Structure formats: structure tokens, C-alpha cells
Amino acid sequence: MKESRKLKSIEDKKNWWGALFLWIVNEIVLRFKFRRVEIYGRDNVPNDGPFVIVSNHSSRFDGLMVLRGLRRKANYMVSPAELTGYQGVTLPWVGAFPADPKSDLIGFSEEGFRKNEGLVVFPEGTVYYDGVLRPFKLGAARIALAAHNDGIPIKVIPTSIMYEWGPSNIARIIFGQPIDLESYADSYKNDSLTAARNLSESLYREVASLRSEISDRPNACLETGCKLKRSWSLEFEKVA
């Protein structure tokens, strides 16, 4: 009989002083790089309770955008390659941890959920600068379904980030409406892999749809604070 593999524990290295330092650095970078940061659907992120943010990954600024948009404590699951050198020391201060399959990703995530913290996942696995949305890996879906199965009232929020490069230099992030996990609960108990695949595909479609919501809107509409279809609330922030 094959022995079950013991997973490595993950240390939570978040701390207030480090987080404050990186928040300041985050603001400086965004103000230097972008003329405007536009945030939609922040009301879809709960003010309290655990959540999972599932977002596309098309730029090295994505983590900074999520940090700016959330304003809540969260852990960030990132590629181990992003936690080397200086980043390997500093990013864990705001909750970054490696997406290492040999580690107890579900256990660590649920520990954060029970402290009312969130989890941010970029399920494409790495940054794709060509703007093409790649298939999602199953990690985020598996963590969300396992937490739901363990009685944790988790909110799973599809999110999309877009950039308008050039003279305008605008960054946009939109938080979508939470996915209903109840429809996946029964199938998860019978076939967890299929349930995770189905949820991951749903999240993929939602993220793609959200991206289209913010990619072709006229600037006049954005600047006047009008409602987008689906009634996304707009928080307009000038950063320069």
C-alpha cells in the first residue's frame, strides 16, 4: 500500500511593519507608473469574513493592483520563482507564499480563512504578457471547495485586471459577483476532481467576461462615474 505523502507546513510571515512598508512602496510605484487607477465592484468584496480572489495575470503590477483594490488582509499564492532574492524576503510580509504542491496549501489557506483573512490566486500560474487568458490551474478551485466542504463560509470572487498602456497609462481592476459554491458541493463529495474542474472553468469564463466589461468602455463614461452593465460600482482614483 502506498504511503500518503506528508505535506510541508507553511509559515505565516505577515507583519504590520513590513506590510506598512510595502503598502507605501506599492503606492509610490502605482503613482509613478499610472496616471489613473480605476476600481470597480469593490462592494463585491465582503468587509468581513473569508474570501478567495481569482484573477488573470498579465503584468507584474497585478499584485499591486489587488493590494490597492482590496484594502483587506489576505494571503497571496504566487509562483515559487517570484519568491527569490529580495522579493523572497519582503513579499511574505504582506502574505505571499509559494504555490508549492509539496506544501499544505489547503491547510494554510483554511488557517487564514478561520482568521477572516482572504486568499489571492492567479490560477494561470505565471504572468502572460500577451494578454491571452490561459486555462486555469485547479489550485484555487480545490482550496475553495475544500473550505466550503469544511464548513467555512467562503466567498469566491472572480476578478480581472486590465491596463491601457501608452500616453493614457490607465490601470483597471474589477471585482465580480461571488460564485455560488452550493451548486458544486454535492458533486465535490462524490468526485472532487471533476467538481474542481467545473468550478475552475466557471471562474475562467467569469474572469474573461469581466475583462470584456472594462476593456471597451469609453473614458467619458468612466470619468462621470456612471454604472456599467451588471451595475458594477465605480471607485475612481487619481494616482497622479
C-alpha atoms as a PDB file:
ATOM      1  CA  MET A   1       0.000   0.000   0.000  1.00  0.00           C
ATOM      2  CA  LYS A   2       1.371   3.402  -0.992  1.00  0.00           C
ATOM      3  CA  GLU A   3       2.134   5.784   1.898  1.00  0.00           C
ATOM      4  CA  SER A   4       0.422   9.141   1.855  1.00  0.00           C
ATOM      5  CA  ARG A   5       2.849  11.993   1.328  1.00  0.00           C
ATOM      6  CA  LYS A   6       3.359  14.330   4.270  1.00  0.00           C
ATOM      7  CA  LEU A   7       2.958  17.919   3.175  1.00  0.00           C
ATOM      8  CA  LYS A   8       5.249  20.677   4.401  1.00  0.00           C
ATOM      9  CA  SER A   9       3.740  23.311   6.655  1.00  0.00           C
ATOM     10  CA  ILE A  10       3.761  26.961   5.543  1.00  0.00           C
ATOM     11  CA  GLU A  11       4.786  29.740   7.887  1.00  0.00           C
ATOM     12  CA  ASP A  12       2.656  32.877   8.002  1.00  0.00           C
ATOM     13  CA  LYS A  13       5.180  35.734   7.818  1.00  0.00           C
ATOM     14  CA  LYS A  14       2.773  38.658   7.638  1.00  0.00           C
ATOM     15  CA  ASN A  15       3.660  41.547   9.950  1.00  0.00           C
ATOM     16  CA  TRP A  16       2.347  45.066  10.365  1.00  0.00           C
ATOM     17  CA  TRP A  17       5.638  46.941   9.918  1.00  0.00           C
ATOM     18  CA  GLY A  18       6.571  45.050   6.792  1.00  0.00           C
ATOM     19  CA  ALA A  19       3.062  45.379   5.380  1.00  0.00           C
ATOM     20  CA  LEU A  20       3.088  49.149   6.020  1.00  0.00           C
ATOM     21  CA  PHE A  21       6.448  49.481   4.285  1.00  0.00           C
ATOM     22  CA  LEU A  22       5.279  47.524   1.243  1.00  0.00           C
ATOM     23  CA  TRP A  23       1.974  49.419   1.139  1.00  0.00           C
ATOM     24  CA  ILE A  24       3.922  52.687   0.881  1.00  0.00           C
ATOM     25  CA  VAL A  25       6.164  51.204  -1.823  1.00  0.00           C
ATOM     26  CA  ASN A  26       3.040  49.949  -3.604  1.00  0.00           C
ATOM     27  CA  GLU A  27       1.501  53.429  -3.664  1.00  0.00           C
ATOM     28  CA  ILE A  28       4.714  55.037  -4.900  1.00  0.00           C
ATOM     29  CA  VAL A  29       5.041  52.532  -7.751  1.00  0.00           C
ATOM     30  CA  LEU A  30       1.415  52.904  -8.854  1.00  0.00           C
ATOM     31  CA  ARG A  31       1.561  56.694  -8.729  1.00  0.00           C
ATOM     32  CA  PHE A  32       4.782  56.705 -10.716  1.00  0.00           C
ATOM     33  CA  LYS A  33       3.613  54.228 -13.339  1.00  0.00           C
ATOM     34  CA  PHE A  34      -0.061  55.100 -13.922  1.00  0.00           C
ATOM     35  CA  ARG A  35      -1.968  58.326 -14.425  1.00  0.00           C
ATOM     36  CA  ARG A  36      -5.164  56.688 -13.133  1.00  0.00           C
ATOM     37  CA  VAL A  37      -6.215  53.585 -11.262  1.00  0.00           C
ATOM     38  CA  GLU A  38      -9.887  52.650 -11.687  1.00  0.00           C
ATOM     39  CA  ILE A  39     -11.500  50.196  -9.299  1.00  0.00           C
ATOM     40  CA  TYR A  40     -14.868  48.565  -9.986  1.00  0.00           C
ATOM     41  CA  GLY A  41     -17.078  46.327  -7.888  1.00  0.00           C
ATOM     42  CA  ARG A  42     -15.302  46.770  -4.583  1.00  0.00           C
ATOM     43  CA  ASP A  43     -18.702  46.229  -2.938  1.00  0.00           C
ATOM     44  CA  ASN A  44     -18.477  42.610  -4.102  1.00  0.00           C
ATOM     45  CA  VAL A  45     -15.589  42.055  -1.682  1.00  0.00           C
ATOM     46  CA  PRO A  46     -17.020  41.393   1.799  1.00  0.00           C
ATOM     47  CA  ASN A  47     -15.968  43.736   4.584  1.00  0.00           C
ATOM     48  CA  ASP A  48     -15.678  40.762   6.902  1.00  0.00           C
ATOM     49  CA  GLY A  49     -15.266  37.019   6.540  1.00  0.00           C
ATOM     50  CA  PRO A  50     -13.027  34.827   4.370  1.00  0.00           C
ATOM     51  CA  PHE A  51     -12.788  35.134   0.608  1.00  0.00           C
ATOM     52  CA  VAL A  52     -10.811  33.972  -2.423  1.00  0.00           C
ATOM     53  CA  ILE A  53      -9.850  36.357  -5.217  1.00  0.00           C
ATOM     54  CA  VAL A  54      -9.271  34.600  -8.552  1.00  0.00           C
ATOM     55  CA  SER A  55      -7.683  36.873 -11.146  1.00  0.00           C
ATOM     56  CA  ASN A  56      -5.952  36.879 -14.513  1.00  0.00           C
ATOM     57  CA  HIS A  57      -2.202  37.529 -14.526  1.00  0.00           C
ATOM     58  CA  SER A  58      -0.966  39.737 -17.349  1.00  0.00           C
ATOM     59  CA  SER A  59       1.530  42.073 -15.675  1.00  0.00           C
ATOM     60  CA  ARG A  60       3.980  42.314 -12.801  1.00  0.00           C
ATOM     61  CA  PHE A  61       1.709  45.081 -11.473  1.00  0.00           C
ATOM     62  CA  ASP A  62      -1.228  42.698 -10.870  1.00  0.00           C
ATOM     63  CA  GLY A  63      -0.348  42.003  -7.237  1.00  0.00           C
ATOM     64  CA  LEU A  64      -0.008  45.717  -6.576  1.00  0.00           C
ATOM     65  CA  MET A  65      -3.408  46.346  -8.143  1.00  0.00           C
ATOM     66  CA  VAL A  66      -5.100  43.703  -5.994  1.00  0.00           C
ATOM     67  CA  LEU A  67      -3.388  45.072  -2.877  1.00  0.00           C
ATOM     68  CA  ARG A  68      -4.654  48.567  -3.725  1.00  0.00           C
ATOM     69  CA  GLY A  69      -8.178  47.361  -4.503  1.00  0.00           C
ATOM     70  CA  LEU A  70      -8.737  45.020  -1.565  1.00  0.00           C
ATOM     71  CA  ARG A  71      -7.764  47.040   1.491  1.00  0.00           C
ATOM     72  CA  ARG A  72      -8.131  43.832   3.469  1.00  0.00           C
ATOM     73  CA  LYS A  73      -5.665  41.361   4.900  1.00  0.00           C
ATOM     74  CA  ALA A  74      -5.033  38.419   2.589  1.00  0.00           C
ATOM     75  CA  ASN A  75      -2.512  35.754   1.668  1.00  0.00           C
ATOM     76  CA  TYR A  76      -1.155  35.724  -1.887  1.00  0.00           C
ATOM     77  CA  MET A  77      -0.339  32.393  -3.530  1.00  0.00           C
ATOM     78  CA  VAL A  78       2.459  33.054  -6.016  1.00  0.00           C
ATOM     79  CA  SER A  79       4.891  31.124  -8.151  1.00  0.00           C
ATOM     80  CA  PRO A  80       7.967  29.999  -6.182  1.00  0.00           C
ATOM     81  CA  ALA A  81      10.071  31.789  -8.821  1.00  0.00           C
ATOM     82  CA  GLU A  82       8.633  35.104  -7.575  1.00  0.00           C
ATOM     83  CA  LEU A  83       9.903  34.484  -4.038  1.00  0.00           C
ATOM     84  CA  THR A  84      13.615  34.596  -4.656  1.00  0.00           C
ATOM     85  CA  GLY A  85      16.176  37.199  -3.661  1.00  0.00           C
ATOM     86  CA  TYR A  86      14.859  40.473  -2.213  1.00  0.00           C
ATOM     87  CA  GLN A  87      11.252  39.602  -3.094  1.00  0.00           C
ATOM     88  CA  GLY A  88      11.563  36.331  -1.204  1.00  0.00           C
ATOM     89  CA  VAL A  89      12.272  38.317   1.954  1.00  0.00           C
ATOM     90  CA  THR A  90       9.788  41.170   1.587  1.00  0.00           C
ATOM     91  CA  LEU A  91       6.706  39.789  -0.196  1.00  0.00           C
ATOM     92  CA  PRO A  92       5.833  37.350   2.632  1.00  0.00           C
ATOM     93  CA  TRP A  93       5.357  40.431   4.827  1.00  0.00           C
ATOM     94  CA  VAL A  94       2.050  41.040   3.035  1.00  0.00           C
ATOM     95  CA  GLY A  95       1.132  37.358   2.923  1.00  0.00           C
ATOM     96  CA  ALA A  96       2.875  35.951  -0.159  1.00  0.00           C
ATOM     97  CA  PHE A  97       3.577  32.231  -0.027  1.00  0.00           C
ATOM     98  CA  PRO A  98       4.777  29.763  -2.688  1.00  0.00           C
ATOM     99  CA  ALA A  99       2.380  27.617  -4.714  1.00  0.00           C
ATOM    100  CA  ASP A 100       4.433  24.541  -3.902  1.00  0.00           C
ATOM    101  CA  PRO A 101       2.457  21.289  -4.379  1.00  0.00           C
ATOM    102  CA  LYS A 102       4.652  19.696  -1.695  1.00  0.00           C
ATOM    103  CA  SER A 103       3.279  22.169   0.862  1.00  0.00           C
ATOM    104  CA  ASP A 104      -0.037  22.114   2.719  1.00  0.00           C
ATOM    105  CA  LEU A 105      -1.708  24.769   0.591  1.00  0.00           C
ATOM    106  CA  ILE A 106      -5.241  23.875   1.688  1.00  0.00           C
ATOM    107  CA  GLY A 107      -4.364  23.728   5.380  1.00  0.00           C
ATOM    108  CA  PHE A 108      -2.533  27.059   5.304  1.00  0.00           C
ATOM    109  CA  SER A 109      -5.343  28.725   3.352  1.00  0.00           C
ATOM    110  CA  GLU A 110      -8.007  27.449   5.744  1.00  0.00           C
ATOM    111  CA  GLU A 111      -5.968  28.691   8.698  1.00  0.00           C
ATOM    112  CA  GLY A 112      -6.154  32.160   7.156  1.00  0.00           C
ATOM    113  CA  PHE A 113      -9.866  31.795   6.383  1.00  0.00           C
ATOM    114  CA  ARG A 114     -10.586  30.994  10.029  1.00  0.00           C
ATOM    115  CA  LYS A 115      -8.910  34.288  10.934  1.00  0.00           C
ATOM    116  CA  ASN A 116     -11.257  36.066   8.471  1.00  0.00           C
ATOM    117  CA  GLU A 117      -8.424  36.628   6.012  1.00  0.00           C
ATOM    118  CA  GLY A 118      -8.613  36.291   2.263  1.00  0.00           C
ATOM    119  CA  LEU A 119      -6.638  34.421  -0.359  1.00  0.00           C
ATOM    120  CA  VAL A 120      -5.496  35.807  -3.704  1.00  0.00           C
ATOM    121  CA  VAL A 121      -4.701  33.367  -6.517  1.00  0.00           C
ATOM    122  CA  PHE A 122      -3.574  33.923 -10.117  1.00  0.00           C
ATOM    123  CA  PRO A 123      -4.585  30.494 -11.470  1.00  0.00           C
ATOM    124  CA  GLU A 124      -2.863  30.858 -14.831  1.00  0.00           C
ATOM    125  CA  GLY A 125       0.254  30.020 -12.833  1.00  0.00           C
ATOM    126  CA  THR A 126       2.561  32.692 -14.206  1.00  0.00           C
ATOM    127  CA  VAL A 127       2.486  36.068 -15.970  1.00  0.00           C
ATOM    128  CA  TYR A 128       1.468  36.101 -19.656  1.00  0.00           C
ATOM    129  CA  TYR A 129       2.278  39.468 -21.165  1.00  0.00           C
ATOM    130  CA  ASP A 130       0.470  38.859 -24.463  1.00  0.00           C
ATOM    131  CA  GLY A 131      -2.936  39.455 -22.873  1.00  0.00           C
ATOM    132  CA  VAL A 132      -4.254  35.994 -23.805  1.00  0.00           C
ATOM    133  CA  LEU A 133      -6.128  34.324 -20.939  1.00  0.00           C
ATOM    134  CA  ARG A 134      -4.671  30.855 -20.368  1.00  0.00           C
ATOM    135  CA  PRO A 135      -6.521  27.862 -18.867  1.00  0.00           C
ATOM    136  CA  PHE A 136      -6.723  27.960 -15.087  1.00  0.00           C
ATOM    137  CA  LYS A 137      -4.903  25.511 -12.872  1.00  0.00           C
ATOM    138  CA  LEU A 138      -7.128  23.808 -10.298  1.00  0.00           C
ATOM    139  CA  GLY A 139      -5.493  25.031  -7.078  1.00  0.00           C
ATOM    140  CA  ALA A 140      -7.867  27.912  -6.360  1.00  0.00           C
ATOM    141  CA  ALA A 141     -10.966  25.792  -7.044  1.00  0.00           C
ATOM    142  CA  ARG A 142      -9.698  22.936  -4.882  1.00  0.00           C
ATOM    143  CA  ILE A 143      -8.936  25.252  -1.964  1.00  0.00           C
ATOM    144  CA  ALA A 144     -12.329  26.970  -2.200  1.00  0.00           C
ATOM    145  CA  LEU A 145     -14.287  23.710  -2.401  1.00  0.00           C
ATOM    146  CA  ALA A 146     -12.313  22.108   0.421  1.00  0.00           C
ATOM    147  CA  ALA A 147     -13.002  25.129   2.644  1.00  0.00           C
ATOM    148  CA  HIS A 148     -16.693  25.082   1.759  1.00  0.00           C
ATOM    149  CA  ASN A 149     -16.816  21.359   2.486  1.00  0.00           C
ATOM    150  CA  ASP A 150     -15.191  22.027   5.867  1.00  0.00           C
ATOM    151  CA  GLY A 151     -17.948  24.462   6.801  1.00  0.00           C
ATOM    152  CA  ILE A 152     -16.066  27.700   6.138  1.00  0.00           C
ATOM    153  CA  PRO A 153     -18.397  30.351   4.642  1.00  0.00           C
ATOM    154  CA  ILE A 154     -16.081  31.266   1.803  1.00  0.00           C
ATOM    155  CA  LYS A 155     -16.768  33.838  -0.917  1.00  0.00           C
ATOM    156  CA  VAL A 156     -15.092  33.184  -4.282  1.00  0.00           C
ATOM    157  CA  ILE A 157     -14.730  36.396  -6.271  1.00  0.00           C
ATOM    158  CA  PRO A 158     -13.676  36.371  -9.942  1.00  0.00           C
ATOM    159  CA  THR A 159     -11.516  39.393 -10.726  1.00  0.00           C
ATOM    160  CA  SER A 160      -9.992  40.895 -13.829  1.00  0.00           C
ATOM    161  CA  ILE A 161      -7.183  43.399 -14.311  1.00  0.00           C
ATOM    162  CA  MET A 162      -6.564  45.387 -17.489  1.00  0.00           C
ATOM    163  CA  TYR A 163      -4.043  48.032 -18.498  1.00  0.00           C
ATOM    164  CA  GLU A 164      -4.255  50.783 -21.082  1.00  0.00           C
ATOM    165  CA  TRP A 165      -0.635  51.439 -21.977  1.00  0.00           C
ATOM    166  CA  GLY A 166       0.749  54.430 -23.807  1.00  0.00           C
ATOM    167  CA  PRO A 167       0.099  58.121 -23.142  1.00  0.00           C
ATOM    168  CA  SER A 168      -3.013  57.368 -21.050  1.00  0.00           C
ATOM    169  CA  ASN A 169      -1.405  54.733 -18.754  1.00  0.00           C
ATOM    170  CA  ILE A 170      -4.597  53.606 -17.024  1.00  0.00           C
ATOM    171  CA  ALA A 171      -4.894  50.536 -14.804  1.00  0.00           C
ATOM    172  CA  ARG A 172      -8.303  48.969 -14.163  1.00  0.00           C
ATOM    173  CA  ILE A 173      -9.415  46.236 -11.784  1.00  0.00           C
ATOM    174  CA  ILE A 174     -12.915  44.823 -11.446  1.00  0.00           C
ATOM    175  CA  PHE A 175     -14.186  42.550  -8.679  1.00  0.00           C
ATOM    176  CA  GLY A 176     -17.077  40.406  -9.871  1.00  0.00           C
ATOM    177  CA  GLN A 177     -20.013  38.916  -8.020  1.00  0.00           C
ATOM    178  CA  PRO A 178     -19.177  35.890  -5.846  1.00  0.00           C
ATOM    179  CA  ILE A 179     -19.617  32.423  -7.330  1.00  0.00           C
ATOM    180  CA  ASP A 180     -22.276  30.223  -5.720  1.00  0.00           C
ATOM    181  CA  LEU A 181     -20.439  27.169  -4.375  1.00  0.00           C
ATOM    182  CA  GLU A 182     -23.575  25.299  -3.324  1.00  0.00           C
ATOM    183  CA  SER A 183     -24.087  24.002  -6.847  1.00  0.00           C
ATOM    184  CA  TYR A 184     -20.679  22.295  -6.647  1.00  0.00           C
ATOM    185  CA  ALA A 185     -20.991  20.968  -3.086  1.00  0.00           C
ATOM    186  CA  ASP A 186     -22.693  17.624  -3.790  1.00  0.00           C
ATOM    187  CA  SER A 187     -20.513  16.773  -6.763  1.00  0.00           C
ATOM    188  CA  TYR A 188     -17.407  17.649  -4.727  1.00  0.00           C
ATOM    189  CA  LYS A 189     -18.265  14.990  -2.159  1.00  0.00           C
ATOM    190  CA  ASN A 190     -18.616  12.356  -4.890  1.00  0.00           C
ATOM    191  CA  ASP A 191     -15.878  13.462  -7.300  1.00  0.00           C
ATOM    192  CA  SER A 192     -13.684  16.277  -6.008  1.00  0.00           C
ATOM    193  CA  LEU A 193     -11.541  16.456  -9.157  1.00  0.00           C
ATOM    194  CA  THR A 194     -14.481  16.912 -11.526  1.00  0.00           C
ATOM    195  CA  ALA A 195     -16.048  19.489  -9.214  1.00  0.00           C
ATOM    196  CA  ALA A 196     -12.779  21.438  -9.100  1.00  0.00           C
ATOM    197  CA  ARG A 197     -12.525  21.343 -12.895  1.00  0.00           C
ATOM    198  CA  ASN A 198     -16.092  22.577 -13.319  1.00  0.00           C
ATOM    199  CA  LEU A 199     -15.607  25.414 -10.829  1.00  0.00           C
ATOM    200  CA  SER A 200     -12.305  26.374 -12.422  1.00  0.00           C
ATOM    201  CA  GLU A 201     -13.954  26.536 -15.860  1.00  0.00           C
ATOM    202  CA  SER A 202     -16.741  28.730 -14.445  1.00  0.00           C
ATOM    203  CA  LEU A 203     -14.195  31.062 -12.914  1.00  0.00           C
ATOM    204  CA  TYR A 204     -12.321  31.218 -16.203  1.00  0.00           C
ATOM    205  CA  ARG A 205     -15.484  32.279 -18.042  1.00  0.00           C
ATOM    206  CA  GLU A 206     -16.318  34.887 -15.391  1.00  0.00           C
ATOM    207  CA  VAL A 207     -12.829  36.406 -15.464  1.00  0.00           C
ATOM    208  CA  ALA A 208     -12.959  36.557 -19.271  1.00  0.00           C
ATOM    209  CA  SER A 209     -16.381  38.215 -19.115  1.00  0.00           C
ATOM    210  CA  LEU A 210     -15.202  40.760 -16.572  1.00  0.00           C
ATOM    211  CA  ARG A 211     -12.273  41.631 -18.762  1.00  0.00           C
ATOM    212  CA  SER A 212     -14.616  42.480 -21.608  1.00  0.00           C
ATOM    213  CA  GLU A 213     -16.648  44.656 -19.212  1.00  0.00           C
ATOM    214  CA  ILE A 214     -13.736  47.037 -18.656  1.00  0.00           C
ATOM    215  CA  SER A 215     -11.799  46.821 -21.901  1.00  0.00           C
ATOM    216  CA  ASP A 216     -14.128  48.702 -24.274  1.00  0.00           C
ATOM    217  CA  ARG A 217     -15.775  51.293 -22.056  1.00  0.00           C
ATOM    218  CA  PRO A 218     -15.432  54.925 -23.225  1.00  0.00           C
ATOM    219  CA  ASN A 219     -13.378  57.104 -20.884  1.00  0.00           C
ATOM    220  CA  ALA A 220     -16.209  59.648 -20.684  1.00  0.00           C
ATOM    221  CA  CYS A 221     -18.420  57.037 -19.040  1.00  0.00           C
ATOM    222  CA  LEU A 222     -15.708  56.046 -16.593  1.00  0.00           C
ATOM    223  CA  GLU A 223     -14.908  59.614 -15.643  1.00  0.00           C
ATOM    224  CA  THR A 224     -18.526  60.539 -14.887  1.00  0.00           C
ATOM    225  CA  GLY A 225     -18.885  57.555 -12.565  1.00  0.00           C
ATOM    226  CA  CYS A 226     -21.817  56.049 -14.451  1.00  0.00           C
ATOM    227  CA  LYS A 227     -22.845  52.467 -13.790  1.00  0.00           C
ATOM    228  CA  LEU A 228     -21.576  49.733 -16.031  1.00  0.00           C
ATOM    229  CA  LYS A 229     -23.962  46.999 -17.078  1.00  0.00           C
ATOM    230  CA  ARG A 230     -24.455  44.489 -14.255  1.00  0.00           C
ATOM    231  CA  SER A 231     -24.381  47.601 -12.017  1.00  0.00           C
ATOM    232  CA  TRP A 232     -20.678  47.488 -11.220  1.00  0.00           C
ATOM    233  CA  SER A 233     -19.914  50.263  -8.769  1.00  0.00           C
ATOM    234  CA  LEU A 234     -17.023  52.513  -9.800  1.00  0.00           C
ATOM    235  CA  GLU A 235     -14.475  53.971  -7.452  1.00  0.00           C
ATOM    236  CA  PHE A 236     -12.467  56.456  -9.454  1.00  0.00           C
ATOM    237  CA  GLU A 237      -8.998  57.124  -8.052  1.00  0.00           C
ATOM    238  CA  LYS A 238      -6.470  59.558  -9.423  1.00  0.00           C
ATOM    239  CA  VAL A 239      -2.956  58.460  -8.653  1.00  0.00           C
ATOM    240  CA  ALA A 240      -1.062  61.322 -10.196  1.00  0.00           C
END
